[in-house]
């Protein structure tokens, strides 16, 4: 239980999602718009329009689990295709990790952190 690794298939919903949705709302998107089945063991990834919040929904050993991440500075890269209709794009575990970790390494985030340090050190 509670495992997300390279052995899981990841499906990224290709539209922004209202992050007030929880288990039932996201499950409805998986079944109704993505054409997925929660009981297959796949992980379904959702992002909000500002690309600062990410949720992952997965059925593990009889339990529906939701993982959530919120970025303080910067935004995650969203590989949305922007095409018509709803659907999903399969992504790899490494691409999912890169989507989140590259935010912390972006030039914008480094610049904001330097500015914050400089402002904090000024009298």
PDB file of N, CA and C in Angstrom:
ATOM      1  N   UNK A   1       0.831  -1.179   0.000  1.00  0.00           N
ATOM      2  CA  UNK A   1       0.000   0.000   0.000  1.00  0.00           C
ATOM      3  C   UNK A   1       0.879   1.247   0.000  1.00  0.00           C
ATOM      4  N   UNK A   2       0.351   2.337  -0.498  1.00  0.00           N
ATOM      5  CA  UNK A   2       1.043   3.617  -0.599  1.00  0.00           C
ATOM      6  C   UNK A   2       2.332   3.492  -1.390  1.00  0.00           C
ATOM      7  N   UNK A   3       2.198   3.136  -2.635  1.00  0.00           N
ATOM      8  CA  UNK A   3       3.397   3.015  -3.459  1.00  0.00           C
ATOM      9  C   UNK A   3       3.157   3.616  -4.842  1.00  0.00           C
ATOM     10  N   UNK A   4       4.062   4.483  -5.218  1.00  0.00           N
ATOM     11  CA  UNK A   4       4.087   5.033  -6.566  1.00  0.00           C
ATOM     12  C   UNK A   4       5.509   4.850  -7.070  1.00  0.00           C
ATOM     13  N   UNK A   5       5.672   3.982  -8.040  1.00  0.00           N
ATOM     14  CA  UNK A   5       7.008   3.726  -8.565  1.00  0.00           C
ATOM     15  C   UNK A   5       6.922   3.499 -10.065  1.00  0.00           C
ATOM     16  N   UNK A   6       7.992   3.032 -10.649  1.00  0.00           N
ATOM     17  CA  UNK A   6       8.049   2.817 -12.082  1.00  0.00           C
ATOM     18  C   UNK A   6       7.212   1.655 -12.588  1.00  0.00           C
ATOM     19  N   UNK A   7       6.679   0.835 -11.688  1.00  0.00           N
ATOM     20  CA  UNK A   7       5.862  -0.305 -12.100  1.00  0.00           C
ATOM     21  C   UNK A   7       4.393   0.044 -12.305  1.00  0.00           C
ATOM     22  N   UNK A   8       4.030   1.290 -12.026  1.00  0.00           N
ATOM     23  CA  UNK A   8       2.645   1.747 -12.143  1.00  0.00           C
ATOM     24  C   UNK A   8       2.487   2.521 -13.447  1.00  0.00           C
ATOM     25  N   UNK A   9       1.335   2.365 -14.087  1.00  0.00           N
ATOM     26  CA  UNK A   9       1.045   3.182 -15.274  1.00  0.00           C
ATOM     27  C   UNK A   9       0.394   4.477 -14.809  1.00  0.00           C
ATOM     28  N   UNK A  10       0.851   5.600 -15.372  1.00  0.00           N
ATOM     29  CA  UNK A  10       0.360   6.922 -14.988  1.00  0.00           C
ATOM     30  C   UNK A  10      -0.385   7.544 -16.153  1.00  0.00           C
ATOM     31  N   UNK A  11      -1.562   8.094 -15.856  1.00  0.00           N
ATOM     32  CA  UNK A  11      -2.388   8.746 -16.867  1.00  0.00           C
ATOM     33  C   UNK A  11      -2.648  10.172 -16.418  1.00  0.00           C
ATOM     34  N   UNK A  12      -2.180  11.135 -17.207  1.00  0.00           N
ATOM     35  CA  UNK A  12      -2.367  12.552 -16.901  1.00  0.00           C
ATOM     36  C   UNK A  12      -3.598  13.055 -17.633  1.00  0.00           C
ATOM     37  N   UNK A  13      -4.546  13.593 -16.881  1.00  0.00           N
ATOM     38  CA  UNK A  13      -5.745  14.182 -17.481  1.00  0.00           C
ATOM     39  C   UNK A  13      -5.333  15.450 -18.217  1.00  0.00           C
ATOM     40  N   UNK A  14      -5.773  15.601 -19.464  1.00  0.00           N
ATOM     41  CA  UNK A  14      -5.252  16.685 -20.295  1.00  0.00           C
ATOM     42  C   UNK A  14      -6.047  17.989 -20.201  1.00  0.00           C
ATOM     43  N   UNK A  15      -6.733  18.199 -19.102  1.00  0.00           N
ATOM     44  CA  UNK A  15      -7.442  19.440 -18.837  1.00  0.00           C
ATOM     45  C   UNK A  15      -7.209  19.853 -17.379  1.00  0.00           C
ATOM     46  N   UNK A  16      -7.220  21.160 -17.094  1.00  0.00           N
ATOM     47  CA  UNK A  16      -7.114  21.587 -15.691  1.00  0.00           C
ATOM     48  C   UNK A  16      -8.343  21.132 -14.906  1.00  0.00           C
ATOM     49  N   UNK A  17      -8.130  20.839 -13.630  1.00  0.00           N
ATOM     50  CA  UNK A  17      -9.196  20.321 -12.773  1.00  0.00           C
ATOM     51  C   UNK A  17      -9.333  21.227 -11.552  1.00  0.00           C
ATOM     52  N   UNK A  18     -10.559  21.423 -11.107  1.00  0.00           N
ATOM     53  CA  UNK A  18     -10.832  22.156  -9.873  1.00  0.00           C
ATOM     54  C   UNK A  18     -10.329  21.283  -8.714  1.00  0.00           C
ATOM     55  N   UNK A  19      -9.345  21.753  -7.979  1.00  0.00           N
ATOM     56  CA  UNK A  19      -8.736  20.936  -6.931  1.00  0.00           C
ATOM     57  C   UNK A  19      -9.575  20.840  -5.664  1.00  0.00           C
ATOM     58  N   UNK A  20     -10.770  21.411  -5.681  1.00  0.00           N
ATOM     59  CA  UNK A  20     -11.685  21.160  -4.573  1.00  0.00           C
ATOM     60  C   UNK A  20     -12.296  19.773  -4.695  1.00  0.00           C
ATOM     61  N   UNK A  21     -12.160  19.162  -5.866  1.00  0.00           N
ATOM     62  CA  UNK A  21     -12.665  17.801  -6.069  1.00  0.00           C
ATOM     63  C   UNK A  21     -11.845  16.838  -5.216  1.00  0.00           C
ATOM     64  N   UNK A  22     -12.531  15.867  -4.660  1.00  0.00           N
ATOM     65  CA  UNK A  22     -11.854  14.858  -3.865  1.00  0.00           C
ATOM     66  C   UNK A  22     -12.076  13.493  -4.518  1.00  0.00           C
ATOM     67  N   UNK A  23     -12.200  12.463  -3.727  1.00  0.00           N
ATOM     68  CA  UNK A  23     -12.278  11.101  -4.241  1.00  0.00           C
ATOM     69  C   UNK A  23     -13.403  10.911  -5.264  1.00  0.00           C
ATOM     70  N   UNK A  24     -14.607  11.316  -4.906  1.00  0.00           N
ATOM     71  CA  UNK A  24     -15.754  11.082  -5.788  1.00  0.00           C
ATOM     72  C   UNK A  24     -15.657  11.897  -7.074  1.00  0.00           C
ATOM     73  N   UNK A  25     -15.308  13.169  -6.962  1.00  0.00           N
ATOM     74  CA  UNK A  25     -15.216  14.022  -8.142  1.00  0.00           C
ATOM     75  C   UNK A  25     -14.134  13.575  -9.103  1.00  0.00           C
ATOM     76  N   UNK A  26     -12.967  13.227  -8.576  1.00  0.00           N
ATOM     77  CA  UNK A  26     -11.875  12.761  -9.440  1.00  0.00           C
ATOM     78  C   UNK A  26     -12.177  11.376 -10.014  1.00  0.00           C
ATOM     79  N   UNK A  27     -12.833  10.524  -9.220  1.00  0.00           N
ATOM     80  CA  UNK A  27     -13.227   9.200  -9.732  1.00  0.00           C
ATOM     81  C   UNK A  27     -14.189   9.337 -10.897  1.00  0.00           C
ATOM     82  N   UNK A  28     -15.093  10.308 -10.814  1.00  0.00           N
ATOM     83  CA  UNK A  28     -16.042  10.532 -11.902  1.00  0.00           C
ATOM     84  C   UNK A  28     -15.313  10.954 -13.179  1.00  0.00           C
ATOM     85  N   UNK A  29     -14.255  11.757 -13.050  1.00  0.00           N
ATOM     86  CA  UNK A  29     -13.467  12.156 -14.225  1.00  0.00           C
ATOM     87  C   UNK A  29     -12.762  10.941 -14.818  1.00  0.00           C
ATOM     88  N   UNK A  30     -12.188  10.106 -13.951  1.00  0.00           N
ATOM     89  CA  UNK A  30     -11.476   8.910 -14.427  1.00  0.00           C
ATOM     90  C   UNK A  30     -12.408   8.034 -15.253  1.00  0.00           C
ATOM     91  N   UNK A  31     -13.583   7.753 -14.725  1.00  0.00           N
ATOM     92  CA  UNK A  31     -14.507   6.840 -15.391  1.00  0.00           C
ATOM     93  C   UNK A  31     -15.217   7.513 -16.565  1.00  0.00           C
ATOM     94  N   UNK A  32     -15.719   8.730 -16.347  1.00  0.00           N
ATOM     95  CA  UNK A  32     -16.551   9.381 -17.353  1.00  0.00           C
ATOM     96  C   UNK A  32     -15.804  10.044 -18.488  1.00  0.00           C
ATOM     97  N   UNK A  33     -14.675  10.682 -18.194  1.00  0.00           N
ATOM     98  CA  UNK A  33     -13.984  11.462 -19.220  1.00  0.00           C
ATOM     99  C   UNK A  33     -12.681  10.836 -19.702  1.00  0.00           C
ATOM    100  N   UNK A  34     -12.003  10.109 -18.815  1.00  0.00           N
ATOM    101  CA  UNK A  34     -10.733   9.493 -19.206  1.00  0.00           C
ATOM    102  C   UNK A  34     -10.926   8.076 -19.721  1.00  0.00           C
ATOM    103  N   UNK A  35     -12.065   7.498 -19.433  1.00  0.00           N
ATOM    104  CA  UNK A  35     -12.327   6.125 -19.866  1.00  0.00           C
ATOM    105  C   UNK A  35     -11.490   5.098 -19.127  1.00  0.00           C
ATOM    106  N   UNK A  36     -11.097   5.427 -17.908  1.00  0.00           N
ATOM    107  CA  UNK A  36     -10.254   4.525 -17.123  1.00  0.00           C
ATOM    108  C   UNK A  36     -11.045   3.682 -16.150  1.00  0.00           C
ATOM    109  N   UNK A  37     -10.345   2.731 -15.535  1.00  0.00           N
ATOM    110  CA  UNK A  37     -10.923   1.876 -14.518  1.00  0.00           C
ATOM    111  C   UNK A  37     -10.020   1.952 -13.299  1.00  0.00           C
ATOM    112  N   UNK A  38     -10.547   2.462 -12.200  1.00  0.00           N
ATOM    113  CA  UNK A  38      -9.736   2.634 -10.991  1.00  0.00           C
ATOM    114  C   UNK A  38      -9.176   1.321 -10.462  1.00  0.00           C
ATOM    115  N   UNK A  39      -9.883   0.253 -10.656  1.00  0.00           N
ATOM    116  CA  UNK A  39      -9.460  -1.037 -10.087  1.00  0.00           C
ATOM    117  C   UNK A  39      -8.330  -1.712 -10.866  1.00  0.00           C
ATOM    118  N   UNK A  40      -7.889  -1.101 -11.960  1.00  0.00           N
ATOM    119  CA  UNK A  40      -6.767  -1.657 -12.723  1.00  0.00           C
ATOM    120  C   UNK A  40      -5.420  -1.442 -12.043  1.00  0.00           C
ATOM    121  N   UNK A  41      -5.372  -0.556 -11.052  1.00  0.00           N
ATOM    122  CA  UNK A  41      -4.114  -0.278 -10.362  1.00  0.00           C
ATOM    123  C   UNK A  41      -3.313   0.856 -10.985  1.00  0.00           C
ATOM    124  N   UNK A  42      -3.869   1.480 -12.032  1.00  0.00           N
ATOM    125  CA  UNK A  42      -3.188   2.618 -12.644  1.00  0.00           C
ATOM    126  C   UNK A  42      -3.339   3.848 -11.752  1.00  0.00           C
ATOM    127  N   UNK A  43      -2.444   4.817 -11.939  1.00  0.00           N
ATOM    128  CA  UNK A  43      -2.501   6.077 -11.203  1.00  0.00           C
ATOM    129  C   UNK A  43      -2.988   7.160 -12.154  1.00  0.00           C
ATOM    130  N   UNK A  44      -3.906   7.982 -11.683  1.00  0.00           N
ATOM    131  CA  UNK A  44      -4.497   9.036 -12.498  1.00  0.00           C
ATOM    132  C   UNK A  44      -4.080  10.384 -11.924  1.00  0.00           C
ATOM    133  N   UNK A  45      -3.450  11.207 -12.767  1.00  0.00           N
ATOM    134  CA  UNK A  45      -2.818  12.453 -12.330  1.00  0.00           C
ATOM    135  C   UNK A  45      -3.657  13.635 -12.804  1.00  0.00           C
ATOM    136  N   UNK A  46      -3.874  14.588 -11.893  1.00  0.00           N
ATOM    137  CA  UNK A  46      -4.667  15.777 -12.186  1.00  0.00           C
ATOM    138  C   UNK A  46      -3.905  17.019 -11.737  1.00  0.00           C
ATOM    139  N   UNK A  47      -4.074  18.118 -12.488  1.00  0.00           N
ATOM    140  CA  UNK A  47      -3.436  19.385 -12.154  1.00  0.00           C
ATOM    141  C   UNK A  47      -4.466  20.503 -12.240  1.00  0.00           C
ATOM    142  N   UNK A  48      -4.277  21.554 -11.445  1.00  0.00           N
ATOM    143  CA  UNK A  48      -5.179  22.693 -11.557  1.00  0.00           C
ATOM    144  C   UNK A  48      -4.695  23.642 -12.650  1.00  0.00           C
ATOM    145  N   UNK A  49      -5.490  24.672 -12.947  1.00  0.00           N
ATOM    146  CA  UNK A  49      -5.166  25.556 -14.067  1.00  0.00           C
ATOM    147  C   UNK A  49      -3.900  26.366 -13.831  1.00  0.00           C
ATOM    148  N   UNK A  50      -3.580  26.693 -12.582  1.00  0.00           N
ATOM    149  CA  UNK A  50      -2.352  27.450 -12.309  1.00  0.00           C
ATOM    150  C   UNK A  50      -1.125  26.541 -12.279  1.00  0.00           C
ATOM    151  N   UNK A  51      -1.328  25.241 -12.358  1.00  0.00           N
ATOM    152  CA  UNK A  51      -0.267  24.223 -12.358  1.00  0.00           C
ATOM    153  C   UNK A  51       0.589  24.283 -11.083  1.00  0.00           C
ATOM    154  N   UNK A  52      -0.050  24.606  -9.972  1.00  0.00           N
ATOM    155  CA  UNK A  52       0.639  24.637  -8.684  1.00  0.00           C
ATOM    156  C   UNK A  52       0.231  23.471  -7.786  1.00  0.00           C
ATOM    157  N   UNK A  53      -0.901  22.830  -8.098  1.00  0.00           N
ATOM    158  CA  UNK A  53      -1.396  21.718  -7.287  1.00  0.00           C
ATOM    159  C   UNK A  53      -1.562  20.497  -8.184  1.00  0.00           C
ATOM    160  N   UNK A  54      -1.119  19.368  -7.677  1.00  0.00           N
ATOM    161  CA  UNK A  54      -1.202  18.106  -8.398  1.00  0.00           C
ATOM    162  C   UNK A  54      -1.808  17.069  -7.463  1.00  0.00           C
ATOM    163  N   UNK A  55      -2.743  16.277  -7.983  1.00  0.00           N
ATOM    164  CA  UNK A  55      -3.318  15.171  -7.215  1.00  0.00           C
ATOM    165  C   UNK A  55      -3.200  13.901  -8.037  1.00  0.00           C
ATOM    166  N   UNK A  56      -2.931  12.807  -7.342  1.00  0.00           N
ATOM    167  CA  UNK A  56      -2.839  11.499  -7.975  1.00  0.00           C
ATOM    168  C   UNK A  56      -3.824  10.578  -7.262  1.00  0.00           C
ATOM    169  N   UNK A  57      -4.667   9.912  -8.041  1.00  0.00           N
ATOM    170  CA  UNK A  57      -5.665   9.006  -7.504  1.00  0.00           C
ATOM    171  C   UNK A  57      -5.314   7.588  -7.938  1.00  0.00           C
ATOM    172  N   UNK A  58      -5.312   6.664  -6.980  1.00  0.00           N
ATOM    173  CA  UNK A  58      -4.960   5.275  -7.292  1.00  0.00           C
ATOM    174  C   UNK A  58      -5.687   4.327  -6.346  1.00  0.00           C
ATOM    175  N   UNK A  59      -6.106   3.200  -6.887  1.00  0.00           N
ATOM    176  CA  UNK A  59      -6.737   2.145  -6.094  1.00  0.00           C
ATOM    177  C   UNK A  59      -5.651   1.143  -5.730  1.00  0.00           C
ATOM    178  N   UNK A  60      -5.408   0.974  -4.436  1.00  0.00           N
ATOM    179  CA  UNK A  60      -4.352   0.077  -3.958  1.00  0.00           C
ATOM    180  C   UNK A  60      -4.909  -0.876  -2.908  1.00  0.00           C
ATOM    181  N   UNK A  61      -4.888  -2.146  -3.189  1.00  0.00           N
ATOM    182  CA  UNK A  61      -5.250  -3.195  -2.224  1.00  0.00           C
ATOM    183  C   UNK A  61      -6.551  -2.907  -1.481  1.00  0.00           C
ATOM    184  N   UNK A  62      -7.607  -2.601  -2.225  1.00  0.00           N
ATOM    185  CA  UNK A  62      -8.906  -2.385  -1.611  1.00  0.00           C
ATOM    186  C   UNK A  62      -9.117  -1.003  -1.023  1.00  0.00           C
ATOM    187  N   UNK A  63      -8.181  -0.080  -1.262  1.00  0.00           N
ATOM    188  CA  UNK A  63      -8.272   1.266  -0.706  1.00  0.00           C
ATOM    189  C   UNK A  63      -8.045   2.278  -1.825  1.00  0.00           C
ATOM    190  N   UNK A  64      -8.887   3.280  -1.894  1.00  0.00           N
ATOM    191  CA  UNK A  64      -8.679   4.371  -2.839  1.00  0.00           C
ATOM    192  C   UNK A  64      -7.788   5.406  -2.157  1.00  0.00           C
ATOM    193  N   UNK A  65      -6.647   5.689  -2.766  1.00  0.00           N
ATOM    194  CA  UNK A  65      -5.640   6.568  -2.162  1.00  0.00           C
ATOM    195  C   UNK A  65      -5.479   7.811  -3.018  1.00  0.00           C
ATOM    196  N   UNK A  66      -5.335   8.963  -2.358  1.00  0.00           N
ATOM    197  CA  UNK A  66      -5.074  10.206  -3.069  1.00  0.00           C
ATOM    198  C   UNK A  66      -3.772  10.817  -2.545  1.00  0.00           C
ATOM    199  N   UNK A  67      -2.881  11.109  -3.472  1.00  0.00           N
ATOM    200  CA  UNK A  67      -1.640  11.810  -3.158  1.00  0.00           C
ATOM    201  C   UNK A  67      -1.809  13.247  -3.630  1.00  0.00           C
ATOM    202  N   UNK A  68      -1.258  14.201  -2.903  1.00  0.00           N
ATOM    203  CA  UNK A  68      -1.376  15.606  -3.295  1.00  0.00           C
ATOM    204  C   UNK A  68      -0.034  16.304  -3.111  1.00  0.00           C
ATOM    205  N   UNK A  69       0.246  17.248  -4.024  1.00  0.00           N
ATOM    206  CA  UNK A  69       1.465  18.054  -3.926  1.00  0.00           C
ATOM    207  C   UNK A  69       1.098  19.482  -4.280  1.00  0.00           C
ATOM    208  N   UNK A  70       1.677  20.444  -3.534  1.00  0.00           N
ATOM    209  CA  UNK A  70       1.455  21.852  -3.828  1.00  0.00           C
ATOM    210  C   UNK A  70       2.810  22.539  -3.931  1.00  0.00           C
ATOM    211  N   UNK A  71       2.991  23.286  -4.994  1.00  0.00           N
ATOM    212  CA  UNK A  71       4.234  24.006  -5.249  1.00  0.00           C
ATOM    213  C   UNK A  71       4.090  25.418  -4.700  1.00  0.00           C
ATOM    214  N   UNK A  72       5.066  25.864  -3.909  1.00  0.00           N
ATOM    215  CA  UNK A  72       5.015  27.218  -3.361  1.00  0.00           C
ATOM    216  C   UNK A  72       5.455  28.258  -4.383  1.00  0.00           C
ATOM    217  N   UNK A  73       6.554  28.002  -5.077  1.00  0.00           N
ATOM    218  CA  UNK A  73       7.090  28.940  -6.060  1.00  0.00           C
ATOM    219  C   UNK A  73       7.159  28.276  -7.420  1.00  0.00           C
ATOM    220  N   UNK A  74       6.804  29.012  -8.458  1.00  0.00           N
ATOM    221  CA  UNK A  74       6.879  28.470  -9.806  1.00  0.00           C
ATOM    222  C   UNK A  74       5.647  27.667 -10.159  1.00  0.00           C
ATOM    223  N   UNK A  75       5.718  26.973 -11.303  1.00  0.00           N
ATOM    224  CA  UNK A  75       4.615  26.142 -11.787  1.00  0.00           C
ATOM    225  C   UNK A  75       5.170  24.885 -12.423  1.00  0.00           C
ATOM    226  N   UNK A  76       4.378  23.839 -12.364  1.00  0.00           N
ATOM    227  CA  UNK A  76       4.764  22.584 -13.003  1.00  0.00           C
ATOM    228  C   UNK A  76       4.527  22.692 -14.503  1.00  0.00           C
ATOM    229  N   UNK A  77       5.309  21.976 -15.264  1.00  0.00           N
ATOM    230  CA  UNK A  77       5.098  21.911 -16.704  1.00  0.00           C
ATOM    231  C   UNK A  77       3.953  20.942 -16.959  1.00  0.00           C
ATOM    232  N   UNK A  78       3.001  21.365 -17.775  1.00  0.00           N
ATOM    233  CA  UNK A  78       1.863  20.510 -18.087  1.00  0.00           C
ATOM    234  C   UNK A  78       1.945  20.062 -19.538  1.00  0.00           C
ATOM    235  N   UNK A  79       2.154  18.794 -19.789  1.00  0.00           N
ATOM    236  CA  UNK A  79       2.221  18.314 -21.171  1.00  0.00           C
ATOM    237  C   UNK A  79       0.843  18.099 -21.772  1.00  0.00           C
ATOM    238  N   UNK A  80      -0.044  19.097 -21.611  1.00  0.00           N
ATOM    239  CA  UNK A  80      -1.377  18.985 -22.171  1.00  0.00           C
ATOM    240  C   UNK A  80      -1.297  19.185 -23.661  1.00  0.00           C
ATOM    241  N   UNK A  81      -2.083  18.421 -24.381  1.00  0.00           N
ATOM    242  CA  UNK A  81      -2.046  18.543 -25.835  1.00  0.00           C
ATOM    243  C   UNK A  81      -2.896  19.695 -26.348  1.00  0.00           C
ATOM    244  N   UNK A  82      -3.787  20.214 -25.517  1.00  0.00           N
ATOM    245  CA  UNK A  82      -4.603  21.350 -25.913  1.00  0.00           C
ATOM    246  C   UNK A  82      -5.617  21.043 -27.006  1.00  0.00           C
ATOM    247  N   UNK A  83      -5.750  19.795 -27.375  1.00  0.00           N
ATOM    248  CA  UNK A  83      -6.691  19.420 -28.420  1.00  0.00           C
ATOM    249  C   UNK A  83      -8.122  19.420 -27.907  1.00  0.00           C
ATOM    250  N   UNK A  84      -9.068  19.240 -28.801  1.00  0.00           N
ATOM    251  CA  UNK A  84     -10.469  19.238 -28.392  1.00  0.00           C
ATOM    252  C   UNK A  84     -10.811  17.981 -27.592  1.00  0.00           C
ATOM    253  N   UNK A  85     -11.780  18.120 -26.717  1.00  0.00           N
ATOM    254  CA  UNK A  85     -12.268  16.965 -25.960  1.00  0.00           C
ATOM    255  C   UNK A  85     -11.437  16.660 -24.729  1.00  0.00           C
ATOM    256  N   UNK A  86     -11.991  15.771 -23.924  1.00  0.00           N
ATOM    257  CA  UNK A  86     -11.311  15.345 -22.706  1.00  0.00           C
ATOM    258  C   UNK A  86     -10.639  14.012 -22.953  1.00  0.00           C
ATOM    259  N   UNK A  87      -9.621  13.751 -22.209  1.00  0.00           N
ATOM    260  CA  UNK A  87      -8.929  12.488 -22.328  1.00  0.00           C
ATOM    261  C   UNK A  87      -7.717  12.463 -21.439  1.00  0.00           C
ATOM    262  N   UNK A  88      -6.817  11.577 -21.733  1.00  0.00           N
ATOM    263  CA  UNK A  88      -5.631  11.451 -20.900  1.00  0.00           C
ATOM    264  C   UNK A  88      -4.431  11.106 -21.764  1.00  0.00           C
ATOM    265  N   UNK A  89      -3.275  11.360 -21.189  1.00  0.00           N
ATOM    266  CA  UNK A  89      -2.006  11.078 -21.839  1.00  0.00           C
ATOM    267  C   UNK A  89      -1.217  10.182 -20.892  1.00  0.00           C
ATOM    268  N   UNK A  90      -0.695   9.092 -21.384  1.00  0.00           N
ATOM    269  CA  UNK A  90       0.117   8.237 -20.526  1.00  0.00           C
ATOM    270  C   UNK A  90       1.487   8.868 -20.364  1.00  0.00           C
ATOM    271  N   UNK A  91       1.954   8.943 -19.124  1.00  0.00           N
ATOM    272  CA  UNK A  91       3.290   9.476 -18.838  1.00  0.00           C
ATOM    273  C   UNK A  91       4.047   8.465 -17.999  1.00  0.00           C
ATOM    274  N   UNK A  92       5.352   8.558 -18.022  1.00  0.00           N
ATOM    275  CA  UNK A  92       6.184   7.640 -17.238  1.00  0.00           C
ATOM    276  C   UNK A  92       6.387   8.193 -15.833  1.00  0.00           C
ATOM    277  N   UNK A  93       6.825   7.330 -14.947  1.00  0.00           N
ATOM    278  CA  UNK A  93       7.116   7.737 -13.580  1.00  0.00           C
ATOM    279  C   UNK A  93       8.202   8.808 -13.572  1.00  0.00           C
ATOM    280  N   UNK A  94       9.236   8.630 -14.380  1.00  0.00           N
ATOM    281  CA  UNK A  94      10.328   9.610 -14.395  1.00  0.00           C
ATOM    282  C   UNK A  94       9.847  10.964 -14.916  1.00  0.00           C
ATOM    283  N   UNK A  95       8.930  10.975 -15.874  1.00  0.00           N
ATOM    284  CA  UNK A  95       8.403  12.245 -16.380  1.00  0.00           C
ATOM    285  C   UNK A  95       7.562  12.933 -15.309  1.00  0.00           C
ATOM    286  N   UNK A  96       6.807  12.150 -14.544  1.00  0.00           N
ATOM    287  CA  UNK A  96       6.017  12.706 -13.445  1.00  0.00           C
ATOM    288  C   UNK A  96       6.933  13.338 -12.395  1.00  0.00           C
ATOM    289  N   UNK A  97       7.987  12.648 -12.038  1.00  0.00           N
ATOM    290  CA  UNK A  97       8.938  13.181 -11.051  1.00  0.00           C
ATOM    291  C   UNK A  97       9.602  14.443 -11.583  1.00  0.00           C
ATOM    292  N   UNK A  98       9.976  14.439 -12.865  1.00  0.00           N
ATOM    293  CA  UNK A  98      10.594  15.632 -13.475  1.00  0.00           C
ATOM    294  C   UNK A  98       9.640  16.814 -13.489  1.00  0.00           C
ATOM    295  N   UNK A  99       8.355  16.567 -13.752  1.00  0.00           N
ATOM    296  CA  UNK A  99       7.372  17.652 -13.763  1.00  0.00           C
ATOM    297  C   UNK A  99       7.385  18.407 -12.445  1.00  0.00           C
ATOM    298  N   UNK A 100       7.544  17.689 -11.345  1.00  0.00           N
ATOM    299  CA  UNK A 100       7.514  18.308 -10.026  1.00  0.00           C
ATOM    300  C   UNK A 100       8.890  18.854  -9.638  1.00  0.00           C
ATOM    301  N   UNK A 101       9.935  18.081  -9.858  1.00  0.00           N
ATOM    302  CA  UNK A 101      11.260  18.484  -9.382  1.00  0.00           C
ATOM    303  C   UNK A 101      11.886  19.606 -10.188  1.00  0.00           C
ATOM    304  N   UNK A 102      11.564  19.729 -11.471  1.00  0.00           N
ATOM    305  CA  UNK A 102      12.150  20.806 -12.270  1.00  0.00           C
ATOM    306  C   UNK A 102      11.663  22.173 -11.840  1.00  0.00           C
ATOM    307  N   UNK A 103      10.541  22.241 -11.156  1.00  0.00           N
ATOM    308  CA  UNK A 103      10.031  23.520 -10.676  1.00  0.00           C
ATOM    309  C   UNK A 103      11.025  24.144  -9.714  1.00  0.00           C
ATOM    310  N   UNK A 104      11.549  23.358  -8.794  1.00  0.00           N
ATOM    311  CA  UNK A 104      12.482  23.866  -7.792  1.00  0.00           C
ATOM    312  C   UNK A 104      13.793  24.316  -8.410  1.00  0.00           C
ATOM    313  N   UNK A 105      14.110  23.805  -9.593  1.00  0.00           N
ATOM    314  CA  UNK A 105      15.372  24.141 -10.240  1.00  0.00           C
ATOM    315  C   UNK A 105      15.219  25.225 -11.302  1.00  0.00           C
ATOM    316  N   UNK A 106      14.022  25.759 -11.491  1.00  0.00           N
ATOM    317  CA  UNK A 106      13.808  26.733 -12.562  1.00  0.00           C
ATOM    318  C   UNK A 106      14.493  28.061 -12.253  1.00  0.00           C
ATOM    319  N   UNK A 107      14.806  28.825 -13.289  1.00  0.00           N
ATOM    320  CA  UNK A 107      15.477  30.114 -13.102  1.00  0.00           C
ATOM    321  C   UNK A 107      14.569  31.093 -12.365  1.00  0.00           C
ATOM    322  N   UNK A 108      13.270  31.033 -12.586  1.00  0.00           N
ATOM    323  CA  UNK A 108      12.341  31.916 -11.881  1.00  0.00           C
ATOM    324  C   UNK A 108      12.417  31.682 -10.375  1.00  0.00           C
ATOM    325  N   UNK A 109      12.377  30.430  -9.957  1.00  0.00           N
ATOM    326  CA  UNK A 109      12.403  30.105  -8.536  1.00  0.00           C
ATOM    327  C   UNK A 109      13.732  30.542  -7.926  1.00  0.00           C
ATOM    328  N   UNK A 110      14.837  30.289  -8.608  1.00  0.00           N
ATOM    329  CA  UNK A 110      16.144  30.714  -8.080  1.00  0.00           C
ATOM    330  C   UNK A 110      16.206  32.231  -7.942  1.00  0.00           C
ATOM    331  N   UNK A 111      15.663  32.948  -8.920  1.00  0.00           N
ATOM    332  CA  UNK A 111      15.675  34.408  -8.884  1.00  0.00           C
ATOM    333  C   UNK A 111      14.839  34.929  -7.718  1.00  0.00           C
ATOM    334  N   UNK A 112      13.665  34.360  -7.483  1.00  0.00           N
ATOM    335  CA  UNK A 112      12.804  34.787  -6.380  1.00  0.00           C
ATOM    336  C   UNK A 112      13.473  34.510  -5.041  1.00  0.00           C
ATOM    337  N   UNK A 113      14.132  33.362  -4.923  1.00  0.00           N
ATOM    338  CA  UNK A 113      14.815  33.040  -3.662  1.00  0.00           C
ATOM    339  C   UNK A 113      15.967  34.005  -3.388  1.00  0.00           C
ATOM    340  N   UNK A 114      16.734  34.355  -4.439  1.00  0.00           N
ATOM    341  CA  UNK A 114      17.825  35.326  -4.263  1.00  0.00           C
ATOM    342  C   UNK A 114      17.279  36.676  -3.840  1.00  0.00           C
ATOM    343  N   UNK A 115      16.191  37.118  -4.457  1.00  0.00           N
ATOM    344  CA  UNK A 115      15.584  38.389  -4.112  1.00  0.00           C
ATOM    345  C   UNK A 115      15.079  38.369  -2.671  1.00  0.00           C
ATOM    346  N   UNK A 116      14.467  37.281  -2.259  1.00  0.00           N
ATOM    347  CA  UNK A 116      13.957  37.175  -0.891  1.00  0.00           C
ATOM    348  C   UNK A 116      15.098  37.250   0.119  1.00  0.00           C
ATOM    349  N   UNK A 117      16.226  36.584  -0.183  1.00  0.00           N
ATOM    350  CA  UNK A 117      17.396  36.653   0.722  1.00  0.00           C
ATOM    351  C   UNK A 117      17.919  38.074   0.815  1.00  0.00           C
ATOM    352  N   UNK A 118      18.014  38.731  -0.339  1.00  0.00           N
ATOM    353  CA  UNK A 118      18.546  40.094  -0.354  1.00  0.00           C
ATOM    354  C   UNK A 118      17.635  41.041   0.421  1.00  0.00           C
ATOM    355  N   UNK A 119      16.332  40.914   0.253  1.00  0.00           N
ATOM    356  CA  UNK A 119      15.402  41.770   0.978  1.00  0.00           C
ATOM    357  C   UNK A 119      15.423  41.493   2.476  1.00  0.00           C
ATOM    358  N   UNK A 120      15.616  40.242   2.846  1.00  0.00           N
ATOM    359  CA  UNK A 120      15.663  39.873   4.268  1.00  0.00           C
ATOM    360  C   UNK A 120      16.935  40.404   4.934  1.00  0.00           C
ATOM    361  N   UNK A 121      18.021  40.550   4.176  1.00  0.00           N
ATOM    362  CA  UNK A 121      19.280  40.998   4.783  1.00  0.00           C
ATOM    363  C   UNK A 121      19.389  42.518   4.850  1.00  0.00           C
ATOM    364  N   UNK A 122      18.515  43.235   4.108  1.00  0.00           N
ATOM    365  CA  UNK A 122      18.553  44.686   4.157  1.00  0.00           C
ATOM    366  C   UNK A 122      17.909  45.189   5.446  1.00  0.00           C
ATOM    367  N   UNK A 123      18.482  46.266   6.006  1.00  0.00           N
ATOM    368  CA  UNK A 123      17.936  46.803   7.283  1.00  0.00           C
ATOM    369  C   UNK A 123      16.626  47.505   7.096  1.00  0.00           C
TER     370      UNK A 123
END
